Amino acid sequence: RPTTTSIGTVLALNSITLRNEIAGTVRRVSLVP
């Protein structure tokens, strides 16, 4: 079957950029890369 080639990008099924909804001062952080 003839084919054509394209360049794609891999995406996780679930992926978000985490932001805070309300302003405030940080009291606790548990973000370990």
Full PDB file with SEQRES, HELIX, SHEET, SSBOND, CRYST1, ORIGX, SCALE, CONECT and MASTER records, all heavy atoms in Angstrom:
SEQRES   1 A   33  ARG PRO THR THR THR SER ILE GLY THR VAL LEU ALA LEU          
SEQRES   2 A   33  ASN SER ILE THR LEU ARG ASN GLU ILE ALA GLY THR VAL          
SEQRES   3 A   33  ARG ARG VAL SER LEU VAL PRO                                  
CRYST1    1.000    1.000    1.000  90.00  90.00  90.00 P 1           1          
ORIGX1      1.000000  0.000000  0.000000        0.00000                         
ORIGX2      0.000000  1.000000  0.000000        0.00000                         
ORIGX3      0.000000  0.000000  1.000000        0.00000                         
SCALE1      1.000000  0.000000  0.000000        0.00000                         
SCALE2      0.000000  1.000000  0.000000        0.00000                         
SCALE3      0.000000  0.000000  1.000000        0.00000                         
ATOM      1  N   ARG A   1       0.852  -1.182   0.000  1.00  0.00           N  
ATOM      2  CA  ARG A   1       0.000   0.000   0.000  1.00  0.00           C  
ATOM      3  C   ARG A   1       0.883   1.225   0.000  1.00  0.00           C  
ATOM      4  O   ARG A   1       1.743   1.366   0.877  1.00  0.00           O  
ATOM      5  CB  ARG A   1      -0.913   0.018   1.227  1.00  0.00           C  
ATOM      6  CG  ARG A   1      -2.008   1.066   1.145  1.00  0.00           C  
ATOM      7  CD  ARG A   1      -2.985   0.945   2.291  1.00  0.00           C  
ATOM      8  NE  ARG A   1      -4.053   1.925   2.178  1.00  0.00           N  
ATOM      9  CZ  ARG A   1      -5.000   2.098   3.080  1.00  0.00           C  
ATOM     10  NH1 ARG A   1      -5.003   1.340   4.174  1.00  0.00           N  
ATOM     11  NH2 ARG A   1      -5.940   3.009   2.907  1.00  0.00           N  
ATOM     12  N   PRO A   2       0.715   2.118  -0.955  1.00  0.00           N  
ATOM     13  CA  PRO A   2       1.550   3.328  -0.972  1.00  0.00           C  
ATOM     14  C   PRO A   2       1.403   4.109   0.320  1.00  0.00           C  
ATOM     15  O   PRO A   2       0.337   4.112   0.956  1.00  0.00           O  
ATOM     16  CB  PRO A   2       1.003   4.121  -2.174  1.00  0.00           C  
ATOM     17  CG  PRO A   2       0.293   3.106  -3.014  1.00  0.00           C  
ATOM     18  CD  PRO A   2      -0.238   2.075  -2.075  1.00  0.00           C  
ATOM     19  N   THR A   3       2.477   4.745   0.726  1.00  0.00           N  
ATOM     20  CA  THR A   3       2.468   5.513   1.972  1.00  0.00           C  
ATOM     21  C   THR A   3       3.016   6.912   1.735  1.00  0.00           C  
ATOM     22  O   THR A   3       3.717   7.165   0.748  1.00  0.00           O  
ATOM     23  CB  THR A   3       3.307   4.827   3.057  1.00  0.00           C  
ATOM     24  OG1 THR A   3       4.664   4.721   2.607  1.00  0.00           O  
ATOM     25  CG2 THR A   3       2.771   3.448   3.384  1.00  0.00           C  
ATOM     26  N   THR A   4       2.676   7.790   2.638  1.00  0.00           N  
ATOM     27  CA  THR A   4       3.271   9.120   2.678  1.00  0.00           C  
ATOM     28  C   THR A   4       3.851   9.327   4.067  1.00  0.00           C  
ATOM     29  O   THR A   4       3.443   8.668   5.029  1.00  0.00           O  
ATOM     30  CB  THR A   4       2.226  10.215   2.371  1.00  0.00           C  
ATOM     31  OG1 THR A   4       2.872  11.484   2.305  1.00  0.00           O  
ATOM     32  CG2 THR A   4       1.151  10.269   3.437  1.00  0.00           C  
ATOM     33  N   THR A   5       4.816  10.203   4.162  1.00  0.00           N  
ATOM     34  CA  THR A   5       5.525  10.409   5.426  1.00  0.00           C  
ATOM     35  C   THR A   5       5.167  11.763   6.023  1.00  0.00           C  
ATOM     36  O   THR A   5       5.060  12.761   5.308  1.00  0.00           O  
ATOM     37  CB  THR A   5       7.045  10.320   5.208  1.00  0.00           C  
ATOM     38  OG1 THR A   5       7.366   9.028   4.694  1.00  0.00           O  
ATOM     39  CG2 THR A   5       7.795  10.511   6.516  1.00  0.00           C  
ATOM     40  N   SER A   6       4.986  11.770   7.326  1.00  0.00           N  
ATOM     41  CA  SER A   6       4.690  13.000   8.051  1.00  0.00           C  
ATOM     42  C   SER A   6       5.519  13.015   9.331  1.00  0.00           C  
ATOM     43  O   SER A   6       5.963  11.968   9.806  1.00  0.00           O  
ATOM     44  CB  SER A   6       3.196  13.100   8.378  1.00  0.00           C  
ATOM     45  OG  SER A   6       2.913  14.283   9.112  1.00  0.00           O  
ATOM     46  N   ILE A   7       5.724  14.202   9.868  1.00  0.00           N  
ATOM     47  CA  ILE A   7       6.435  14.359  11.137  1.00  0.00           C  
ATOM     48  C   ILE A   7       5.394  14.575  12.238  1.00  0.00           C  
ATOM     49  O   ILE A   7       4.545  15.465  12.139  1.00  0.00           O  
ATOM     50  CB  ILE A   7       7.420  15.540  11.094  1.00  0.00           C  
ATOM     51  CG1 ILE A   7       8.448  15.315   9.971  1.00  0.00           C  
ATOM     52  CG2 ILE A   7       8.126  15.682  12.437  1.00  0.00           C  
ATOM     53  CD1 ILE A   7       9.273  14.060  10.125  1.00  0.00           C  
ATOM     54  N   GLY A   8       5.472  13.731  13.274  1.00  0.00           N  
ATOM     55  CA  GLY A   8       4.501  13.807  14.360  1.00  0.00           C  
ATOM     56  C   GLY A   8       5.154  14.138  15.690  1.00  0.00           C  
ATOM     57  O   GLY A   8       6.378  14.123  15.834  1.00  0.00           O  
ATOM     58  N   THR A   9       4.321  14.421  16.667  1.00  0.00           N  
ATOM     59  CA  THR A   9       4.757  14.738  18.026  1.00  0.00           C  
ATOM     60  C   THR A   9       4.065  13.798  18.997  1.00  0.00           C  
ATOM     61  O   THR A   9       2.847  13.622  18.939  1.00  0.00           O  
ATOM     62  CB  THR A   9       4.424  16.192  18.390  1.00  0.00           C  
ATOM     63  OG1 THR A   9       5.054  17.070  17.440  1.00  0.00           O  
ATOM     64  CG2 THR A   9       4.928  16.534  19.785  1.00  0.00           C  
ATOM     65  N   VAL A  10       4.845  13.217  19.894  1.00  0.00           N  
ATOM     66  CA  VAL A  10       4.305  12.302  20.895  1.00  0.00           C  
ATOM     67  C   VAL A  10       3.673  13.115  22.026  1.00  0.00           C  
ATOM     68  O   VAL A  10       4.270  14.083  22.521  1.00  0.00           O  
ATOM     69  CB  VAL A  10       5.408  11.378  21.443  1.00  0.00           C  
ATOM     70  CG1 VAL A  10       4.848  10.447  22.516  1.00  0.00           C  
ATOM     71  CG2 VAL A  10       6.025  10.572  20.318  1.00  0.00           C  
ATOM     72  N   LEU A  11       2.464  12.720  22.427  1.00  0.00           N  
ATOM     73  CA  LEU A  11       1.740  13.395  23.506  1.00  0.00           C  
ATOM     74  C   LEU A  11       1.272  12.359  24.512  1.00  0.00           C  
ATOM     75  O   LEU A  11       0.786  11.285  24.135  1.00  0.00           O  
ATOM     76  CB  LEU A  11       0.523  14.155  22.962  1.00  0.00           C  
ATOM     77  CG  LEU A  11       0.790  15.223  21.892  1.00  0.00           C  
ATOM     78  CD1 LEU A  11      -0.526  15.737  21.346  1.00  0.00           C  
ATOM     79  CD2 LEU A  11       1.604  16.361  22.467  1.00  0.00           C  
ATOM     80  N   ALA A  12       1.428  12.672  25.790  1.00  0.00           N  
ATOM     81  CA  ALA A  12       0.893  11.795  26.830  1.00  0.00           C  
ATOM     82  C   ALA A  12      -0.624  11.829  26.788  1.00  0.00           C  
ATOM     83  O   ALA A  12      -1.244  12.827  26.394  1.00  0.00           O  
ATOM     84  CB  ALA A  12       1.402  12.233  28.194  1.00  0.00           C  
ATOM     85  N   LEU A  13      -1.247  10.731  27.210  1.00  0.00           N  
ATOM     86  CA  LEU A  13      -2.705  10.698  27.237  1.00  0.00           C  
ATOM     87  C   LEU A  13      -3.253  11.765  28.169  1.00  0.00           C  
ATOM     88  O   LEU A  13      -4.310  12.349  27.906  1.00  0.00           O  
ATOM     89  CB  LEU A  13      -3.187   9.314  27.675  1.00  0.00           C  
ATOM     90  CG  LEU A  13      -2.832   8.136  26.751  1.00  0.00           C  
ATOM     91  CD1 LEU A  13      -3.493   6.867  27.248  1.00  0.00           C  
ATOM     92  CD2 LEU A  13      -3.227   8.414  25.312  1.00  0.00           C  
ATOM     93  N   ASN A  14      -2.561  12.006  29.281  1.00  0.00           N  
ATOM     94  CA  ASN A  14      -2.929  13.062  30.218  1.00  0.00           C  
ATOM     95  C   ASN A  14      -1.720  13.966  30.406  1.00  0.00           C  
ATOM     96  O   ASN A  14      -0.640  13.489  30.782  1.00  0.00           O  
ATOM     97  CB  ASN A  14      -3.353  12.482  31.573  1.00  0.00           C  
ATOM     98  CG  ASN A  14      -4.617  11.654  31.464  1.00  0.00           C  
ATOM     99  OD1 ASN A  14      -5.631  12.124  30.978  1.00  0.00           O  
ATOM    100  ND2 ASN A  14      -4.549  10.403  31.901  1.00  0.00           N  
ATOM    101  N   SER A  15      -1.887  15.221  30.126  1.00  0.00           N  
ATOM    102  CA  SER A  15      -0.775  16.169  30.239  1.00  0.00           C  
ATOM    103  C   SER A  15      -1.335  17.553  30.534  1.00  0.00           C  
ATOM    104  O   SER A  15      -2.228  18.033  29.822  1.00  0.00           O  
ATOM    105  CB  SER A  15       0.033  16.188  28.943  1.00  0.00           C  
ATOM    106  OG  SER A  15       1.045  17.166  28.991  1.00  0.00           O  
ATOM    107  N   ILE A  16      -0.837  18.181  31.598  1.00  0.00           N  
ATOM    108  CA  ILE A  16      -1.308  19.518  31.950  1.00  0.00           C  
ATOM    109  C   ILE A  16      -0.142  20.386  32.403  1.00  0.00           C  
ATOM    110  O   ILE A  16       0.909  19.881  32.803  1.00  0.00           O  
ATOM    111  CB  ILE A  16      -2.369  19.490  33.074  1.00  0.00           C  
ATOM    112  CG1 ILE A  16      -1.751  18.937  34.366  1.00  0.00           C  
ATOM    113  CG2 ILE A  16      -3.597  18.716  32.657  1.00  0.00           C  
ATOM    114  CD1 ILE A  16      -2.641  19.116  35.570  1.00  0.00           C  
ATOM    115  N   THR A  17      -0.365  21.691  32.311  1.00  0.00           N  
ATOM    116  CA  THR A  17       0.520  22.660  32.939  1.00  0.00           C  
ATOM    117  C   THR A  17      -0.159  23.112  34.225  1.00  0.00           C  
ATOM    118  O   THR A  17      -1.261  23.670  34.201  1.00  0.00           O  
ATOM    119  CB  THR A  17       0.760  23.871  32.020  1.00  0.00           C  
ATOM    120  OG1 THR A  17       1.408  23.418  30.822  1.00  0.00           O  
ATOM    121  CG2 THR A  17       1.647  24.898  32.704  1.00  0.00           C  
ATOM    122  N   LEU A  18       0.464  22.860  35.363  1.00  0.00           N  
ATOM    123  CA  LEU A  18      -0.146  23.111  36.661  1.00  0.00           C  
ATOM    124  C   LEU A  18      -0.006  24.592  37.032  1.00  0.00           C  
ATOM    125  O   LEU A  18       1.101  25.136  37.014  1.00  0.00           O  
ATOM    126  CB  LEU A  18       0.520  22.226  37.717  1.00  0.00           C  
ATOM    127  CG  LEU A  18      -0.228  22.041  39.031  1.00  0.00           C  
ATOM    128  CD1 LEU A  18      -1.540  21.294  38.779  1.00  0.00           C  
ATOM    129  CD2 LEU A  18       0.636  21.284  40.024  1.00  0.00           C  
ATOM    130  N   ARG A  19      -1.133  25.233  37.369  1.00  0.00           N  
ATOM    131  CA  ARG A  19      -1.153  26.633  37.789  1.00  0.00           C  
ATOM    132  C   ARG A  19      -2.032  26.776  39.031  1.00  0.00           C  
ATOM    133  O   ARG A  19      -2.931  25.969  39.264  1.00  0.00           O  
ATOM    134  CB  ARG A  19      -1.696  27.542  36.677  1.00  0.00           C  
ATOM    135  CG  ARG A  19      -0.903  27.478  35.375  1.00  0.00           C  
ATOM    136  CD  ARG A  19      -1.564  28.315  34.300  1.00  0.00           C  
ATOM    137  NE  ARG A  19      -0.898  28.178  33.012  1.00  0.00           N  
ATOM    138  CZ  ARG A  19       0.120  28.914  32.604  1.00  0.00           C  
ATOM    139  NH1 ARG A  19       0.573  29.890  33.401  1.00  0.00           N  
ATOM    140  NH2 ARG A  19       0.679  28.727  31.428  1.00  0.00           N  
ATOM    141  N   ASN A  20      -1.774  27.815  39.811  1.00  0.00           N  
ATOM    142  CA  ASN A  20      -2.612  28.096  40.967  1.00  0.00           C  
ATOM    143  C   ASN A  20      -3.780  28.987  40.566  1.00  0.00           C  
ATOM    144  O   ASN A  20      -3.626  29.928  39.788  1.00  0.00           O  
ATOM    145  CB  ASN A  20      -1.798  28.752  42.088  1.00  0.00           C  
ATOM    146  CG  ASN A  20      -1.162  30.052  41.638  1.00  0.00           C  
ATOM    147  OD1 ASN A  20      -0.450  30.085  40.641  1.00  0.00           O  
ATOM    148  ND2 ASN A  20      -1.406  31.123  42.362  1.00  0.00           N  
ATOM    149  N   GLU A  21      -4.952  28.661  41.084  1.00  0.00           N  
ATOM    150  CA  GLU A  21      -6.145  29.437  40.747  1.00  0.00           C  
ATOM    151  C   GLU A  21      -6.268  30.708  41.581  1.00  0.00           C  
ATOM    152  O   GLU A  21      -6.866  31.697  41.138  1.00  0.00           O  
ATOM    153  CB  GLU A  21      -7.397  28.585  40.959  1.00  0.00           C  
ATOM    154  CG  GLU A  21      -7.472  27.365  40.066  1.00  0.00           C  
ATOM    155  CD  GLU A  21      -8.758  26.599  40.296  1.00  0.00           C  
ATOM    156  OE1 GLU A  21      -9.832  27.076  39.900  1.00  0.00           O  
ATOM    157  OE2 GLU A  21      -8.673  25.507  40.901  1.00  0.00           O  
ATOM    158  N   ILE A  22      -5.744  30.686  42.815  1.00  0.00           N  
ATOM    159  CA  ILE A  22      -5.889  31.814  43.744  1.00  0.00           C  
ATOM    160  C   ILE A  22      -4.501  32.245  44.198  1.00  0.00           C  
ATOM    161  O   ILE A  22      -3.613  31.406  44.414  1.00  0.00           O  
ATOM    162  CB  ILE A  22      -6.739  31.405  44.963  1.00  0.00           C  
ATOM    163  CG1 ILE A  22      -8.121  30.951  44.492  1.00  0.00           C  
ATOM    164  CG2 ILE A  22      -6.867  32.551  45.951  1.00  0.00           C  
ATOM    165  CD1 ILE A  22      -9.001  30.456  45.611  1.00  0.00           C  
ATOM    166  N   ALA A  23      -4.302  33.540  44.305  1.00  0.00           N  
ATOM    167  CA  ALA A  23      -3.020  34.064  44.773  1.00  0.00           C  
ATOM    168  C   ALA A  23      -2.815  33.719  46.237  1.00  0.00           C  
ATOM    169  O   ALA A  23      -3.768  33.558  47.012  1.00  0.00           O  
ATOM    170  CB  ALA A  23      -2.966  35.567  44.563  1.00  0.00           C  
ATOM    171  N   GLY A  24      -1.544  33.610  46.623  1.00  0.00           N  
ATOM    172  CA  GLY A  24      -1.252  33.309  48.019  1.00  0.00           C  
ATOM    173  C   GLY A  24       0.216  33.021  48.236  1.00  0.00           C  
ATOM    174  O   GLY A  24       1.022  32.999  47.296  1.00  0.00           O  
ATOM    175  N   THR A  25       0.579  32.798  49.492  1.00  0.00           N  
ATOM    176  CA  THR A  25       1.954  32.507  49.883  1.00  0.00           C  
ATOM    177  C   THR A  25       2.130  31.001  50.068  1.00  0.00           C  
ATOM    178  O   THR A  25       1.287  30.348  50.698  1.00  0.00           O  
ATOM    179  CB  THR A  25       2.308  33.235  51.191  1.00  0.00           C  
ATOM    180  OG1 THR A  25       2.094  34.642  51.007  1.00  0.00           O  
ATOM    181  CG2 THR A  25       3.758  32.993  51.569  1.00  0.00           C  
ATOM    182  N   VAL A  26       3.213  30.470  49.531  1.00  0.00           N  
ATOM    183  CA  VAL A  26       3.457  29.024  49.580  1.00  0.00           C  
ATOM    184  C   VAL A  26       3.810  28.615  51.010  1.00  0.00           C  
ATOM    185  O   VAL A  26       4.698  29.197  51.637  1.00  0.00           O  
ATOM    186  CB  VAL A  26       4.594  28.633  48.615  1.00  0.00           C  
ATOM    187  CG1 VAL A  26       4.876  27.141  48.708  1.00  0.00           C  
ATOM    188  CG2 VAL A  26       4.229  29.022  47.185  1.00  0.00           C  
ATOM    189  N   ARG A  27       3.097  27.601  51.501  1.00  0.00           N  
ATOM    190  CA  ARG A  27       3.377  27.068  52.829  1.00  0.00           C  
ATOM    191  C   ARG A  27       4.013  25.688  52.763  1.00  0.00           C  
ATOM    192  O   ARG A  27       4.760  25.295  53.643  1.00  0.00           O  
ATOM    193  CB  ARG A  27       2.080  27.001  53.641  1.00  0.00           C  
ATOM    194  CG  ARG A  27       2.280  26.601  55.109  1.00  0.00           C  
ATOM    195  CD  ARG A  27       0.971  26.632  55.863  1.00  0.00           C  
ATOM    196  NE  ARG A  27       0.020  25.654  55.325  1.00  0.00           N  
ATOM    197  CZ  ARG A  27      -1.225  25.497  55.802  1.00  0.00           C  
ATOM    198  NH1 ARG A  27      -1.654  26.282  56.782  1.00  0.00           N  
ATOM    199  NH2 ARG A  27      -2.026  24.604  55.280  1.00  0.00           N  
ATOM    200  N   ARG A  28       3.733  24.956  51.671  1.00  0.00           N  
ATOM    201  CA  ARG A  28       4.259  23.594  51.521  1.00  0.00           C  
ATOM    202  C   ARG A  28       4.472  23.296  50.046  1.00  0.00           C  
ATOM    203  O   ARG A  28       3.639  23.663  49.215  1.00  0.00           O  
ATOM    204  CB  ARG A  28       3.283  22.585  52.133  1.00  0.00           C  
ATOM    205  CG  ARG A  28       3.671  21.118  51.934  1.00  0.00           C  
ATOM    206  CD  ARG A  28       2.579  20.225  52.503  1.00  0.00           C  
ATOM    207  NE  ARG A  28       2.782  18.838  52.154  1.00  0.00           N  
ATOM    208  CZ  ARG A  28       1.901  17.870  52.347  1.00  0.00           C  
ATOM    209  NH1 ARG A  28       0.726  18.161  52.908  1.00  0.00           N  
ATOM    210  NH2 ARG A  28       2.154  16.625  52.012  1.00  0.00           N  
ATOM    211  N   VAL A  29       5.601  22.628  49.722  1.00  0.00           N  
ATOM    212  CA  VAL A  29       5.919  22.269  48.339  1.00  0.00           C  
ATOM    213  C   VAL A  29       6.330  20.806  48.304  1.00  0.00           C  
ATOM    214  O   VAL A  29       7.168  20.366  49.096  1.00  0.00           O  
ATOM    215  CB  VAL A  29       7.056  23.138  47.759  1.00  0.00           C  
ATOM    216  CG1 VAL A  29       7.375  22.711  46.331  1.00  0.00           C  
ATOM    217  CG2 VAL A  29       6.683  24.602  47.803  1.00  0.00           C  
ATOM    218  N   SER A  30       5.743  20.050  47.371  1.00  0.00           N  
ATOM    219  CA  SER A  30       6.118  18.640  47.169  1.00  0.00           C  
ATOM    220  C   SER A  30       6.332  18.377  45.683  1.00  0.00           C  
ATOM    221  O   SER A  30       5.829  17.392  45.135  1.00  0.00           O  
ATOM    222  CB  SER A  30       5.030  17.718  47.739  1.00  0.00           C  
ATOM    223  OG  SER A  30       4.866  17.933  49.118  1.00  0.00           O  
ATOM    224  N   LEU A  31       7.053  19.269  45.031  1.00  0.00           N  
ATOM    225  CA  LEU A  31       7.335  19.139  43.598  1.00  0.00           C  
ATOM    226  C   LEU A  31       8.776  18.685  43.422  1.00  0.00           C  
ATOM    227  O   LEU A  31       9.718  19.475  43.504  1.00  0.00           O  
ATOM    228  CB  LEU A  31       7.107  20.469  42.876  1.00  0.00           C  
ATOM    229  CG  LEU A  31       5.661  20.988  42.861  1.00  0.00           C  
ATOM    230  CD1 LEU A  31       5.606  22.350  42.201  1.00  0.00           C  
ATOM    231  CD2 LEU A  31       4.753  20.008  42.134  1.00  0.00           C  
ATOM    232  N   VAL A  32       8.955  17.394  43.175  1.00  0.00           N  
ATOM    233  CA  VAL A  32      10.286  16.822  42.929  1.00  0.00           C  
ATOM    234  C   VAL A  32      10.347  16.440  41.454  1.00  0.00           C  
ATOM    235  O   VAL A  32       9.624  15.531  41.016  1.00  0.00           O  
ATOM    236  CB  VAL A  32      10.542  15.593  43.812  1.00  0.00           C  
ATOM    237  CG1 VAL A  32      11.929  15.026  43.530  1.00  0.00           C  
ATOM    238  CG2 VAL A  32      10.399  15.960  45.281  1.00  0.00           C  
ATOM    239  N   PRO A  33      11.155  17.120  40.643  1.00  0.00           N  
ATOM    240  CA  PRO A  33      11.206  16.812  39.206  1.00  0.00           C  
ATOM    241  C   PRO A  33      11.524  15.338  38.956  1.00  0.00           C  
ATOM    242  O   PRO A  33      12.428  14.768  39.561  1.00  0.00           O  
ATOM    243  CB  PRO A  33      12.330  17.715  38.698  1.00  0.00           C  
ATOM    244  CG  PRO A  33      12.358  18.852  39.660  1.00  0.00           C  
ATOM    245  CD  PRO A  33      12.023  18.255  40.992  1.00  0.00           C  
TER     246      PRO A  33                                                      
MASTER        0    0    0    0    0    0    0    6  245    1    0    3          
END                                                                             
